[in-house]
Amino acid sequence: MAYILMAQTDDACHCIGCGWDPSEFVVSREPVELAEGCGMKPEYALVSSRTPLLFREATLDVIRDVDTSSAG
């Protein structure tokens, strides 16, 4: 038996849209603020060209969270 949390992925995609095209994500023009002690990586500055408040890594975190939840 396998448990896959598809609703969480579906909810996130309805909320933020579908970033199926990797070229949608471009380097942010605004400085990216990170939590203290968090090192800056180039991928942290990638934002959606349609919605600059949508960060690529945050979008991918939704999928990673579902993968982690489903694997357990």
C-alpha atoms as a PDB file:
ATOM      1  CA  MET A   1       0.000   0.000   0.000  1.00  0.00           C
ATOM      2  CA  ALA A   2       1.253   3.478  -0.816  1.00  0.00           C
ATOM      3  CA  TYR A   3       0.064   6.824   0.483  1.00  0.00           C
ATOM      4  CA  ILE A   4       0.548   9.829  -1.781  1.00  0.00           C
ATOM      5  CA  LEU A   5      -0.540  13.270  -0.617  1.00  0.00           C
ATOM      6  CA  MET A   6      -1.766  14.633  -3.946  1.00  0.00           C
ATOM      7  CA  ALA A   7      -4.165  17.174  -2.446  1.00  0.00           C
ATOM      8  CA  GLN A   8      -1.315  19.242  -1.001  1.00  0.00           C
ATOM      9  CA  THR A   9       0.393  19.432  -4.389  1.00  0.00           C
ATOM     10  CA  ASP A  10      -2.889  20.264  -6.093  1.00  0.00           C
ATOM     11  CA  ASP A  11      -3.729  23.005  -3.579  1.00  0.00           C
ATOM     12  CA  ALA A  12      -0.305  24.602  -3.993  1.00  0.00           C
ATOM     13  CA  CYS A  13      -0.560  24.581  -7.776  1.00  0.00           C
ATOM     14  CA  HIS A  14      -4.010  26.201  -7.685  1.00  0.00           C
ATOM     15  CA  CYS A  15      -2.676  28.839  -5.337  1.00  0.00           C
ATOM     16  CA  ILE A  16       0.600  29.668  -7.079  1.00  0.00           C
ATOM     17  CA  GLY A  17       0.093  28.461 -10.624  1.00  0.00           C
ATOM     18  CA  CYS A  18       2.075  25.946 -12.595  1.00  0.00           C
ATOM     19  CA  GLY A  19       5.770  26.570 -13.181  1.00  0.00           C
ATOM     20  CA  TRP A  20       6.140  23.900 -15.849  1.00  0.00           C
ATOM     21  CA  ASP A  21       8.471  26.075 -17.921  1.00  0.00           C
ATOM     22  CA  PRO A  22      11.885  26.424 -16.234  1.00  0.00           C
ATOM     23  CA  SER A  23      12.554  29.590 -18.257  1.00  0.00           C
ATOM     24  CA  GLU A  24       9.740  31.250 -16.275  1.00  0.00           C
ATOM     25  CA  PHE A  25      12.142  31.563 -13.351  1.00  0.00           C
ATOM     26  CA  VAL A  26      14.611  34.427 -13.660  1.00  0.00           C
ATOM     27  CA  VAL A  27      17.069  36.106 -11.298  1.00  0.00           C
ATOM     28  CA  SER A  28      15.277  38.493  -8.953  1.00  0.00           C
ATOM     29  CA  ARG A  29      15.879  42.198  -9.479  1.00  0.00           C
ATOM     30  CA  GLU A  30      15.253  42.816  -5.791  1.00  0.00           C
ATOM     31  CA  PRO A  31      17.717  41.749  -3.086  1.00  0.00           C
ATOM     32  CA  VAL A  32      16.788  38.432  -1.518  1.00  0.00           C
ATOM     33  CA  GLU A  33      16.621  38.461   2.275  1.00  0.00           C
ATOM     34  CA  LEU A  34      17.604  35.212   3.967  1.00  0.00           C
ATOM     35  CA  ALA A  35      17.374  34.143   7.575  1.00  0.00           C
ATOM     36  CA  GLU A  36      20.423  34.773   9.718  1.00  0.00           C
ATOM     37  CA  GLY A  37      23.035  32.080   9.193  1.00  0.00           C
ATOM     38  CA  CYS A  38      21.559  30.953   5.881  1.00  0.00           C
ATOM     39  CA  GLY A  39      24.116  31.020   3.072  1.00  0.00           C
ATOM     40  CA  MET A  40      23.102  32.496  -0.267  1.00  0.00           C
ATOM     41  CA  LYS A  41      22.933  30.110  -3.216  1.00  0.00           C
ATOM     42  CA  PRO A  42      22.246  31.216  -6.818  1.00  0.00           C
ATOM     43  CA  GLU A  43      19.026  29.189  -6.976  1.00  0.00           C
ATOM     44  CA  TYR A  44      17.586  31.165  -4.033  1.00  0.00           C
ATOM     45  CA  ALA A  45      17.387  34.273  -6.236  1.00  0.00           C
ATOM     46  CA  LEU A  46      15.216  32.652  -8.932  1.00  0.00           C
ATOM     47  CA  VAL A  47      11.696  34.091  -9.052  1.00  0.00           C
ATOM     48  CA  SER A  48       8.770  33.722 -11.416  1.00  0.00           C
ATOM     49  CA  SER A  49       8.778  36.262 -14.236  1.00  0.00           C
ATOM     50  CA  ARG A  50       4.966  36.340 -13.942  1.00  0.00           C
ATOM     51  CA  THR A  51       4.796  36.640 -10.142  1.00  0.00           C
ATOM     52  CA  PRO A  52       7.995  38.031  -8.591  1.00  0.00           C
ATOM     53  CA  LEU A  53       6.861  36.994  -5.098  1.00  0.00           C
ATOM     54  CA  LEU A  54       6.965  33.338  -6.169  1.00  0.00           C
ATOM     55  CA  PHE A  55      10.402  31.876  -5.499  1.00  0.00           C
ATOM     56  CA  ARG A  56      11.451  28.739  -7.370  1.00  0.00           C
ATOM     57  CA  GLU A  57      12.891  27.026  -4.283  1.00  0.00           C
ATOM     58  CA  ALA A  58       9.724  27.662  -2.268  1.00  0.00           C
ATOM     59  CA  THR A  59       7.678  26.142  -5.084  1.00  0.00           C
ATOM     60  CA  LEU A  60       9.930  23.095  -5.185  1.00  0.00           C
ATOM     61  CA  ASP A  61       9.674  22.796  -1.384  1.00  0.00           C
ATOM     62  CA  VAL A  62       5.965  21.997  -1.792  1.00  0.00           C
ATOM     63  CA  ILE A  63       6.902  18.993  -3.942  1.00  0.00           C
ATOM     64  CA  ARG A  64       9.737  17.990  -1.615  1.00  0.00           C
ATOM     65  CA  ASP A  65       7.345  18.110   1.348  1.00  0.00           C
ATOM     66  CA  VAL A  66       4.871  15.869  -0.448  1.00  0.00           C
ATOM     67  CA  ASP A  67       7.657  13.447  -1.380  1.00  0.00           C
ATOM     68  CA  THR A  68       8.819  13.299   2.240  1.00  0.00           C
ATOM     69  CA  SER A  69       5.281  12.823   3.549  1.00  0.00           C
ATOM     70  CA  SER A  70       4.554  10.101   1.006  1.00  0.00           C
ATOM     71  CA  ALA A  71       7.803   8.215   1.654  1.00  0.00           C
ATOM     72  CA  GLY A  72       7.101   7.817   5.378  1.00  0.00           C
END
